[in-house]
Amino acid sequence: MTKTTKASSPSGDKVIFTLKLPVAWEGETIDTLAYRRPKGRDMRRFTNRVGRNNSKVGDATVALLADLSEMPEAFFDELDGGDWARLSQEVNDFLPDAQ
């Protein structure tokens, strides 16, 4: 069974990300993620999690993805490395150049 996650958004705008390698999660196979575009509050939390030295950018990115997709952080640890890199790059496009 394939499960497509649904992220709620007040405007209804969602970004759909297709995994090249589906993930088995809680008894289902997930092949796409739906996430909302980040808002200012999401970007503030991301920036605060990263800090000045950018030492926690991976953890901050996972936390941001979890917030936007309404999936648990542990889910993102199960992604294929290639899917992780593509998704991280896609989300990185939302971030300010200074990050």
PDB file of N, CA and C in Angstrom:
ATOM      1  N   MET A   1       0.847  -1.180   0.000  1.00  0.00           N
ATOM      2  CA  MET A   1       0.000   0.000   0.000  1.00  0.00           C
ATOM      3  C   MET A   1       0.885   1.233   0.000  1.00  0.00           C
ATOM      4  N   THR A   2       0.583   2.174  -0.834  1.00  0.00           N
ATOM      5  CA  THR A   2       1.336   3.419  -0.916  1.00  0.00           C
ATOM      6  C   THR A   2       0.574   4.512  -0.183  1.00  0.00           C
ATOM      7  N   LYS A   3       1.314   5.257   0.598  1.00  0.00           N
ATOM      8  CA  LYS A   3       0.712   6.353   1.350  1.00  0.00           C
ATOM      9  C   LYS A   3       1.339   7.655   0.885  1.00  0.00           C
ATOM     10  N   THR A   4       0.528   8.605   0.571  1.00  0.00           N
ATOM     11  CA  THR A   4       0.982   9.946   0.256  1.00  0.00           C
ATOM     12  C   THR A   4       0.630  10.828   1.438  1.00  0.00           C
ATOM     13  N   THR A   5       1.622  11.486   2.004  1.00  0.00           N
ATOM     14  CA  THR A   5       1.355  12.320   3.162  1.00  0.00           C
ATOM     15  C   THR A   5       0.662  13.595   2.722  1.00  0.00           C
ATOM     16  N   LYS A   6      -0.130  14.134   3.581  1.00  0.00           N
ATOM     17  CA  LYS A   6      -0.849  15.380   3.322  1.00  0.00           C
ATOM     18  C   LYS A   6      -0.442  16.396   4.379  1.00  0.00           C
ATOM     19  N   ALA A   7       0.021  17.537   3.957  1.00  0.00           N
ATOM     20  CA  ALA A   7       0.340  18.617   4.878  1.00  0.00           C
ATOM     21  C   ALA A   7      -0.725  19.687   4.735  1.00  0.00           C
ATOM     22  N   SER A   8      -1.249  20.127   5.852  1.00  0.00           N
ATOM     23  CA  SER A   8      -2.288  21.148   5.784  1.00  0.00           C
ATOM     24  C   SER A   8      -1.651  22.521   5.639  1.00  0.00           C
ATOM     25  N   SER A   9      -2.325  23.378   4.938  1.00  0.00           N
ATOM     26  CA  SER A   9      -1.861  24.738   4.729  1.00  0.00           C
ATOM     27  C   SER A   9      -3.074  25.637   4.612  1.00  0.00           C
ATOM     28  N   PRO A  10      -3.079  26.767   5.317  1.00  0.00           N
ATOM     29  CA  PRO A  10      -4.243  27.648   5.237  1.00  0.00           C
ATOM     30  C   PRO A  10      -4.573  28.049   3.804  1.00  0.00           C
ATOM     31  N   SER A  11      -3.558  28.239   2.967  1.00  0.00           N
ATOM     32  CA  SER A  11      -3.818  28.651   1.594  1.00  0.00           C
ATOM     33  C   SER A  11      -4.051  27.459   0.674  1.00  0.00           C
ATOM     34  N   GLY A  12      -3.808  26.253   1.177  1.00  0.00           N
ATOM     35  CA  GLY A  12      -3.983  25.068   0.363  1.00  0.00           C
ATOM     36  C   GLY A  12      -2.808  24.787  -0.547  1.00  0.00           C
ATOM     37  N   ASP A  13      -1.803  25.644  -0.536  1.00  0.00           N
ATOM     38  CA  ASP A  13      -0.627  25.434  -1.375  1.00  0.00           C
ATOM     39  C   ASP A  13       0.271  24.382  -0.744  1.00  0.00           C
ATOM     40  N   LYS A  14       0.595  23.358  -1.535  1.00  0.00           N
ATOM     41  CA  LYS A  14       1.480  22.305  -1.068  1.00  0.00           C
ATOM     42  C   LYS A  14       2.529  22.050  -2.131  1.00  0.00           C
ATOM     43  N   VAL A  15       3.670  21.658  -1.685  1.00  0.00           N
ATOM     44  CA  VAL A  15       4.722  21.215  -2.572  1.00  0.00           C
ATOM     45  C   VAL A  15       4.750  19.695  -2.463  1.00  0.00           C
ATOM     46  N   ILE A  16       4.740  19.017  -3.601  1.00  0.00           N
ATOM     47  CA  ILE A  16       4.779  17.556  -3.615  1.00  0.00           C
ATOM     48  C   ILE A  16       6.178  17.134  -4.025  1.00  0.00           C
ATOM     49  N   PHE A  17       6.784  16.301  -3.197  1.00  0.00           N
ATOM     50  CA  PHE A  17       8.126  15.795  -3.454  1.00  0.00           C
ATOM     51  C   PHE A  17       8.027  14.286  -3.645  1.00  0.00           C
ATOM     52  N   THR A  18       8.504  13.796  -4.779  1.00  0.00           N
ATOM     53  CA  THR A  18       8.460  12.368  -5.068  1.00  0.00           C
ATOM     54  C   THR A  18       9.796  11.732  -4.707  1.00  0.00           C
ATOM     55  N   LEU A  19       9.733  10.726  -3.855  1.00  0.00           N
ATOM     56  CA  LEU A  19      10.938   9.997  -3.471  1.00  0.00           C
ATOM     57  C   LEU A  19      11.345   9.062  -4.596  1.00  0.00           C
ATOM     58  N   LYS A  20      12.628   8.993  -4.905  1.00  0.00           N
ATOM     59  CA  LYS A  20      13.110   8.027  -5.891  1.00  0.00           C
ATOM     60  C   LYS A  20      13.089   6.626  -5.305  1.00  0.00           C
ATOM     61  N   LEU A  21      13.360   6.535  -3.997  1.00  0.00           N
ATOM     62  CA  LEU A  21      13.292   5.257  -3.299  1.00  0.00           C
ATOM     63  C   LEU A  21      12.278   5.379  -2.162  1.00  0.00           C
ATOM     64  N   PRO A  22      11.114   4.754  -2.311  1.00  0.00           N
ATOM     65  CA  PRO A  22      10.083   4.838  -1.274  1.00  0.00           C
ATOM     66  C   PRO A  22      10.592   4.340   0.084  1.00  0.00           C
ATOM     67  N   VAL A  23       9.937   4.804   1.131  1.00  0.00           N
ATOM     68  CA  VAL A  23      10.313   4.471   2.499  1.00  0.00           C
ATOM     69  C   VAL A  23       9.198   3.654   3.140  1.00  0.00           C
ATOM     70  N   ALA A  24       9.573   2.546   3.764  1.00  0.00           N
ATOM     71  CA  ALA A  24       8.615   1.778   4.571  1.00  0.00           C
ATOM     72  C   ALA A  24       8.524   2.483   5.917  1.00  0.00           C
ATOM     73  N   TRP A  25       7.319   2.886   6.265  1.00  0.00           N
ATOM     74  CA  TRP A  25       7.132   3.648   7.514  1.00  0.00           C
ATOM     75  C   TRP A  25       5.813   3.247   8.137  1.00  0.00           C
ATOM     76  N   GLU A  26       5.888   2.754   9.357  1.00  0.00           N
ATOM     77  CA  GLU A  26       4.707   2.370  10.126  1.00  0.00           C
ATOM     78  C   GLU A  26       3.769   1.475   9.319  1.00  0.00           C
ATOM     79  N   GLY A  27       4.355   0.478   8.648  1.00  0.00           N
ATOM     80  CA  GLY A  27       3.565  -0.508   7.925  1.00  0.00           C
ATOM     81  C   GLY A  27       3.071  -0.069   6.562  1.00  0.00           C
ATOM     82  N   GLU A  28       3.472   1.088   6.111  1.00  0.00           N
ATOM     83  CA  GLU A  28       3.049   1.582   4.801  1.00  0.00           C
ATOM     84  C   GLU A  28       4.278   1.997   4.004  1.00  0.00           C
ATOM     85  N   THR A  29       4.103   2.088   2.711  1.00  0.00           N
ATOM     86  CA  THR A  29       5.167   2.574   1.835  1.00  0.00           C
ATOM     87  C   THR A  29       4.842   4.005   1.439  1.00  0.00           C
ATOM     88  N   ILE A  30       5.775   4.882   1.702  1.00  0.00           N
ATOM     89  CA  ILE A  30       5.587   6.297   1.381  1.00  0.00           C
ATOM     90  C   ILE A  30       6.479   6.639   0.197  1.00  0.00           C
ATOM     91  N   ASP A  31       5.852   7.100  -0.888  1.00  0.00           N
ATOM     92  CA  ASP A  31       6.621   7.445  -2.080  1.00  0.00           C
ATOM     93  C   ASP A  31       6.569   8.928  -2.432  1.00  0.00           C
ATOM     94  N   THR A  32       5.737   9.681  -1.749  1.00  0.00           N
ATOM     95  CA  THR A  32       5.707  11.130  -1.934  1.00  0.00           C
ATOM     96  C   THR A  32       5.523  11.808  -0.580  1.00  0.00           C
ATOM     97  N   LEU A  33       6.004  13.015  -0.497  1.00  0.00           N
ATOM     98  CA  LEU A  33       5.790  13.864   0.676  1.00  0.00           C
ATOM     99  C   LEU A  33       5.104  15.135   0.207  1.00  0.00           C
ATOM    100  N   ALA A  34       4.143  15.570   0.953  1.00  0.00           N
ATOM    101  CA  ALA A  34       3.512  16.863   0.700  1.00  0.00           C
ATOM    102  C   ALA A  34       3.898  17.771   1.860  1.00  0.00           C
ATOM    103  N   TYR A  35       4.384  18.936   1.523  1.00  0.00           N
ATOM    104  CA  TYR A  35       4.718  19.887   2.581  1.00  0.00           C
ATOM    105  C   TYR A  35       4.307  21.282   2.166  1.00  0.00           C
ATOM    106  N   ARG A  36       4.055  22.090   3.180  1.00  0.00           N
ATOM    107  CA  ARG A  36       3.669  23.467   2.929  1.00  0.00           C
ATOM    108  C   ARG A  36       4.920  24.324   2.815  1.00  0.00           C
ATOM    109  N   ARG A  37       4.777  25.426   2.149  1.00  0.00           N
ATOM    110  CA  ARG A  37       5.882  26.382   2.078  1.00  0.00           C
ATOM    111  C   ARG A  37       6.111  26.954   3.476  1.00  0.00           C
ATOM    112  N   PRO A  38       7.367  27.216   3.836  1.00  0.00           N
ATOM    113  CA  PRO A  38       7.635  27.754   5.175  1.00  0.00           C
ATOM    114  C   PRO A  38       7.126  29.183   5.331  1.00  0.00           C
ATOM    115  N   LYS A  39       6.741  29.473   6.536  1.00  0.00           N
ATOM    116  CA  LYS A  39       6.319  30.828   6.920  1.00  0.00           C
ATOM    117  C   LYS A  39       7.455  31.470   7.713  1.00  0.00           C
ATOM    118  N   GLY A  40       7.278  32.711   8.040  1.00  0.00           N
ATOM    119  CA  GLY A  40       8.292  33.416   8.819  1.00  0.00           C
ATOM    120  C   GLY A  40       8.626  32.707  10.117  1.00  0.00           C
ATOM    121  N   ARG A  41       7.622  32.194  10.808  1.00  0.00           N
ATOM    122  CA  ARG A  41       7.878  31.508  12.082  1.00  0.00           C
ATOM    123  C   ARG A  41       8.748  30.274  11.881  1.00  0.00           C
ATOM    124  N   ASP A  42       8.548  29.570  10.751  1.00  0.00           N
ATOM    125  CA  ASP A  42       9.380  28.403  10.457  1.00  0.00           C
ATOM    126  C   ASP A  42      10.829  28.815  10.218  1.00  0.00           C
ATOM    127  N   MET A  43      11.007  29.900   9.487  1.00  0.00           N
ATOM    128  CA  MET A  43      12.356  30.368   9.190  1.00  0.00           C
ATOM    129  C   MET A  43      13.050  30.877  10.461  1.00  0.00           C
ATOM    130  N   ARG A  44      12.288  31.521  11.337  1.00  0.00           N
ATOM    131  CA  ARG A  44      12.866  31.983  12.612  1.00  0.00           C
ATOM    132  C   ARG A  44      13.345  30.796  13.426  1.00  0.00           C
ATOM    133  N   ARG A  45      12.504  29.756  13.543  1.00  0.00           N
ATOM    134  CA  ARG A  45      12.905  28.568  14.301  1.00  0.00           C
ATOM    135  C   ARG A  45      14.115  27.890  13.669  1.00  0.00           C
ATOM    136  N   PHE A  46      14.129  27.816  12.340  1.00  0.00           N
ATOM    137  CA  PHE A  46      15.272  27.209  11.660  1.00  0.00           C
ATOM    138  C   PHE A  46      16.549  27.971  11.990  1.00  0.00           C
ATOM    139  N   THR A  47      16.501  29.291  11.852  1.00  0.00           N
ATOM    140  CA  THR A  47      17.672  30.117  12.109  1.00  0.00           C
ATOM    141  C   THR A  47      18.133  29.979  13.550  1.00  0.00           C
ATOM    142  N   ASN A  48      17.204  29.945  14.491  1.00  0.00           N
ATOM    143  CA  ASN A  48      17.559  29.785  15.894  1.00  0.00           C
ATOM    144  C   ASN A  48      18.173  28.414  16.175  1.00  0.00           C
ATOM    145  N   ARG A  49      17.702  27.383  15.486  1.00  0.00           N
ATOM    146  CA  ARG A  49      18.245  26.034  15.687  1.00  0.00           C
ATOM    147  C   ARG A  49      19.659  25.915  15.135  1.00  0.00           C
ATOM    148  N   VAL A  50      19.934  26.591  14.025  1.00  0.00           N
ATOM    149  CA  VAL A  50      21.250  26.504  13.401  1.00  0.00           C
ATOM    150  C   VAL A  50      22.285  27.244  14.240  1.00  0.00           C
ATOM    151  N   GLY A  51      21.943  28.416  14.702  1.00  0.00           N
ATOM    152  CA  GLY A  51      22.889  29.203  15.481  1.00  0.00           C
ATOM    153  C   GLY A  51      23.904  29.892  14.587  1.00  0.00           C
ATOM    154  N   ARG A  52      24.854  30.529  15.210  1.00  0.00           N
ATOM    155  CA  ARG A  52      25.835  31.329  14.470  1.00  0.00           C
ATOM    156  C   ARG A  52      26.865  30.496  13.722  1.00  0.00           C
ATOM    157  N   ASN A  53      27.220  29.327  14.235  1.00  0.00           N
ATOM    158  CA  ASN A  53      28.304  28.578  13.613  1.00  0.00           C
ATOM    159  C   ASN A  53      27.817  27.516  12.627  1.00  0.00           C
ATOM    160  N   ASN A  54      26.528  27.447  12.375  1.00  0.00           N
ATOM    161  CA  ASN A  54      25.950  26.491  11.428  1.00  0.00           C
ATOM    162  C   ASN A  54      26.281  25.031  11.752  1.00  0.00           C
ATOM    163  N   SER A  55      26.621  24.730  12.997  1.00  0.00           N
ATOM    164  CA  SER A  55      27.035  23.373  13.349  1.00  0.00           C
ATOM    165  C   SER A  55      25.872  22.384  13.393  1.00  0.00           C
ATOM    166  N   LYS A  56      24.669  22.854  13.443  1.00  0.00           N
ATOM    167  CA  LYS A  56      23.510  21.971  13.569  1.00  0.00           C
ATOM    168  C   LYS A  56      22.577  22.089  12.371  1.00  0.00           C
ATOM    169  N   VAL A  57      23.105  22.398  11.204  1.00  0.00           N
ATOM    170  CA  VAL A  57      22.246  22.631  10.056  1.00  0.00           C
ATOM    171  C   VAL A  57      21.473  21.377   9.665  1.00  0.00           C
ATOM    172  N   GLY A  58      22.059  20.183   9.813  1.00  0.00           N
ATOM    173  CA  GLY A  58      21.338  18.947   9.501  1.00  0.00           C
ATOM    174  C   GLY A  58      20.145  18.750  10.418  1.00  0.00           C
ATOM    175  N   ASP A  59      20.359  18.929  11.717  1.00  0.00           N
ATOM    176  CA  ASP A  59      19.270  18.791  12.682  1.00  0.00           C
ATOM    177  C   ASP A  59      18.194  19.850  12.460  1.00  0.00           C
ATOM    178  N   ALA A  60      18.622  21.070  12.163  1.00  0.00           N
ATOM    179  CA  ALA A  60      17.659  22.145  11.927  1.00  0.00           C
ATOM    180  C   ALA A  60      16.853  21.887  10.663  1.00  0.00           C
ATOM    181  N   THR A  61      17.501  21.331   9.640  1.00  0.00           N
ATOM    182  CA  THR A  61      16.802  21.014   8.393  1.00  0.00           C
ATOM    183  C   THR A  61      15.760  19.928   8.631  1.00  0.00           C
ATOM    184  N   VAL A  62      16.118  18.893   9.379  1.00  0.00           N
ATOM    185  CA  VAL A  62      15.164  17.824   9.692  1.00  0.00           C
ATOM    186  C   VAL A  62      13.991  18.382  10.487  1.00  0.00           C
ATOM    187  N   ALA A  63      14.265  19.220  11.458  1.00  0.00           N
ATOM    188  CA  ALA A  63      13.185  19.806  12.254  1.00  0.00           C
ATOM    189  C   ALA A  63      12.264  20.647  11.367  1.00  0.00           C
ATOM    190  N   LEU A  64      12.838  21.398  10.447  1.00  0.00           N
ATOM    191  CA  LEU A  64      12.041  22.206   9.521  1.00  0.00           C
ATOM    192  C   LEU A  64      11.186  21.304   8.635  1.00  0.00           C
ATOM    193  N   LEU A  65      11.784  20.251   8.073  1.00  0.00           N
ATOM    194  CA  LEU A  65      11.027  19.318   7.240  1.00  0.00           C
ATOM    195  C   LEU A  65       9.891  18.668   8.010  1.00  0.00           C
ATOM    196  N   ALA A  66      10.154  18.293   9.245  1.00  0.00           N
ATOM    197  CA  ALA A  66       9.118  17.685  10.080  1.00  0.00           C
ATOM    198  C   ALA A  66       7.968  18.660  10.310  1.00  0.00           C
ATOM    199  N   ASP A  67       8.296  19.906  10.588  1.00  0.00           N
ATOM    200  CA  ASP A  67       7.260  20.921  10.788  1.00  0.00           C
ATOM    201  C   ASP A  67       6.429  21.124   9.520  1.00  0.00           C
ATOM    202  N   LEU A  68       7.088  21.210   8.379  1.00  0.00           N
ATOM    203  CA  LEU A  68       6.399  21.524   7.134  1.00  0.00           C
ATOM    204  C   LEU A  68       5.577  20.365   6.591  1.00  0.00           C
ATOM    205  N   SER A  69       6.024  19.142   6.845  1.00  0.00           N
ATOM    206  CA  SER A  69       5.333  17.973   6.292  1.00  0.00           C
ATOM    207  C   SER A  69       4.431  17.269   7.295  1.00  0.00           C
ATOM    208  N   GLU A  70       4.538  17.674   8.557  1.00  0.00           N
ATOM    209  CA  GLU A  70       3.786  17.030   9.636  1.00  0.00           C
ATOM    210  C   GLU A  70       4.139  15.547   9.771  1.00  0.00           C
ATOM    211  N   MET A  71       5.402  15.232   9.491  1.00  0.00           N
ATOM    212  CA  MET A  71       5.942  13.889   9.678  1.00  0.00           C
ATOM    213  C   MET A  71       6.927  13.950  10.843  1.00  0.00           C
ATOM    214  N   PRO A  72       7.128  12.841  11.557  1.00  0.00           N
ATOM    215  CA  PRO A  72       8.092  12.860  12.657  1.00  0.00           C
ATOM    216  C   PRO A  72       9.530  12.982  12.138  1.00  0.00           C
ATOM    217  N   GLU A  73      10.379  13.574  12.943  1.00  0.00           N
ATOM    218  CA  GLU A  73      11.774  13.742  12.553  1.00  0.00           C
ATOM    219  C   GLU A  73      12.431  12.410  12.220  1.00  0.00           C
ATOM    220  N   ALA A  74      12.089  11.355  12.935  1.00  0.00           N
ATOM    221  CA  ALA A  74      12.693  10.040  12.706  1.00  0.00           C
ATOM    222  C   ALA A  74      12.438   9.529  11.289  1.00  0.00           C
ATOM    223  N   PHE A  75      11.343   9.939  10.674  1.00  0.00           N
ATOM    224  CA  PHE A  75      11.053   9.516   9.307  1.00  0.00           C
ATOM    225  C   PHE A  75      12.181   9.915   8.363  1.00  0.00           C
ATOM    226  N   PHE A  76      12.709  11.111   8.527  1.00  0.00           N
ATOM    227  CA  PHE A  76      13.718  11.637   7.617  1.00  0.00           C
ATOM    228  C   PHE A  76      15.056  10.913   7.748  1.00  0.00           C
ATOM    229  N   ASP A  77      15.276  10.248   8.884  1.00  0.00           N
ATOM    230  CA  ASP A  77      16.473   9.424   9.033  1.00  0.00           C
ATOM    231  C   ASP A  77      16.409   8.175   8.163  1.00  0.00           C
ATOM    232  N   GLU A  78      15.221   7.803   7.721  1.00  0.00           N
ATOM    233  CA  GLU A  78      15.036   6.602   6.903  1.00  0.00           C
ATOM    234  C   GLU A  78      15.108   6.874   5.408  1.00  0.00           C
ATOM    235  N   LEU A  79      15.179   8.137   5.011  1.00  0.00           N
ATOM    236  CA  LEU A  79      15.258   8.468   3.587  1.00  0.00           C
ATOM    237  C   LEU A  79      16.564   7.974   2.982  1.00  0.00           C
ATOM    238  N   ASP A  80      16.513   7.591   1.723  1.00  0.00           N
ATOM    239  CA  ASP A  80      17.710   7.297   0.959  1.00  0.00           C
ATOM    240  C   ASP A  80      18.568   8.563   0.903  1.00  0.00           C
ATOM    241  N   GLY A  81      19.872   8.405   0.893  1.00  0.00           N
ATOM    242  CA  GLY A  81      20.767   9.556   0.881  1.00  0.00           C
ATOM    243  C   GLY A  81      20.532  10.492  -0.294  1.00  0.00           C
ATOM    244  N   GLY A  82      20.241   9.920  -1.465  1.00  0.00           N
ATOM    245  CA  GLY A  82      19.963  10.751  -2.635  1.00  0.00           C
ATOM    246  C   GLY A  82      18.687  11.550  -2.479  1.00  0.00           C
ATOM    247  N   ASP A  83      17.641  10.907  -1.938  1.00  0.00           N
ATOM    248  CA  ASP A  83      16.386  11.619  -1.693  1.00  0.00           C
ATOM    249  C   ASP A  83      16.583  12.694  -0.634  1.00  0.00           C
ATOM    250  N   TRP A  84      17.360  12.374   0.406  1.00  0.00           N
ATOM    251  CA  TRP A  84      17.656  13.354   1.457  1.00  0.00           C
ATOM    252  C   TRP A  84      18.343  14.577   0.845  1.00  0.00           C
ATOM    253  N   ALA A  85      19.334  14.344  -0.014  1.00  0.00           N
ATOM    254  CA  ALA A  85      20.071  15.454  -0.619  1.00  0.00           C
ATOM    255  C   ALA A  85      19.162  16.300  -1.508  1.00  0.00           C
ATOM    256  N   ARG A  86      18.315  15.658  -2.320  1.00  0.00           N
ATOM    257  CA  ARG A  86      17.404  16.401  -3.196  1.00  0.00           C
ATOM    258  C   ARG A  86      16.388  17.199  -2.394  1.00  0.00           C
ATOM    259  N   LEU A  87      15.808  16.571  -1.358  1.00  0.00           N
ATOM    260  CA  LEU A  87      14.818  17.259  -0.533  1.00  0.00           C
ATOM    261  C   LEU A  87      15.455  18.414   0.229  1.00  0.00           C
ATOM    262  N   SER A  88      16.643  18.188   0.761  1.00  0.00           N
ATOM    263  CA  SER A  88      17.344  19.255   1.486  1.00  0.00           C
ATOM    264  C   SER A  88      17.635  20.433   0.561  1.00  0.00           C
ATOM    265  N   GLN A  89      18.049  20.143  -0.675  1.00  0.00           N
ATOM    266  CA  GLN A  89      18.320  21.208  -1.633  1.00  0.00           C
ATOM    267  C   GLN A  89      17.046  21.968  -1.973  1.00  0.00           C
ATOM    268  N   GLU A  90      15.953  21.225  -2.136  1.00  0.00           N
ATOM    269  CA  GLU A  90      14.675  21.870  -2.449  1.00  0.00           C
ATOM    270  C   GLU A  90      14.265  22.816  -1.323  1.00  0.00           C
ATOM    271  N   VAL A  91      14.387  22.368  -0.089  1.00  0.00           N
ATOM    272  CA  VAL A  91      14.029  23.206   1.059  1.00  0.00           C
ATOM    273  C   VAL A  91      15.045  24.340   1.203  1.00  0.00           C
ATOM    274  N   ASN A  92      16.302  24.062   0.880  1.00  0.00           N
ATOM    275  CA  ASN A  92      17.339  25.089   0.966  1.00  0.00           C
ATOM    276  C   ASN A  92      17.023  26.289   0.077  1.00  0.00           C
ATOM    277  N   ASP A  93      16.295  26.046  -0.998  1.00  0.00           N
ATOM    278  CA  ASP A  93      15.916  27.141  -1.895  1.00  0.00           C
ATOM    279  C   ASP A  93      15.021  28.174  -1.198  1.00  0.00           C
ATOM    280  N   PHE A  94      14.374  27.779  -0.096  1.00  0.00           N
ATOM    281  CA  PHE A  94      13.534  28.718   0.656  1.00  0.00           C
ATOM    282  C   PHE A  94      14.362  29.586   1.608  1.00  0.00           C
ATOM    283  N   LEU A  95      15.580  29.145   1.912  1.00  0.00           N
ATOM    284  CA  LEU A  95      16.378  29.789   2.954  1.00  0.00           C
ATOM    285  C   LEU A  95      17.072  31.034   2.436  1.00  0.00           C
ATOM    286  N   PRO A  96      17.336  31.980   3.346  1.00  0.00           N
ATOM    287  CA  PRO A  96      18.060  33.176   2.934  1.00  0.00           C
ATOM    288  C   PRO A  96      19.487  32.822   2.515  1.00  0.00           C
ATOM    289  N   ASP A  97      20.072  33.619   1.655  1.00  0.00           N
ATOM    290  CA  ASP A  97      21.418  33.363   1.152  1.00  0.00           C
ATOM    291  C   ASP A  97      22.451  33.242   2.262  1.00  0.00           C
ATOM    292  N   ALA A  98      22.234  33.919   3.378  1.00  0.00           N
ATOM    293  CA  ALA A  98      23.200  33.892   4.483  1.00  0.00           C
ATOM    294  C   ALA A  98      23.301  32.521   5.122  1.00  0.00           C
ATOM    295  N   GLN A  99      22.286  31.662   4.949  1.00  0.00           N
ATOM    296  CA  GLN A  99      22.327  30.337   5.551  1.00  0.00           C
ATOM    297  C   GLN A  99      23.188  29.438   4.705  1.00  0.00           C
TER     298      GLN A  99
END
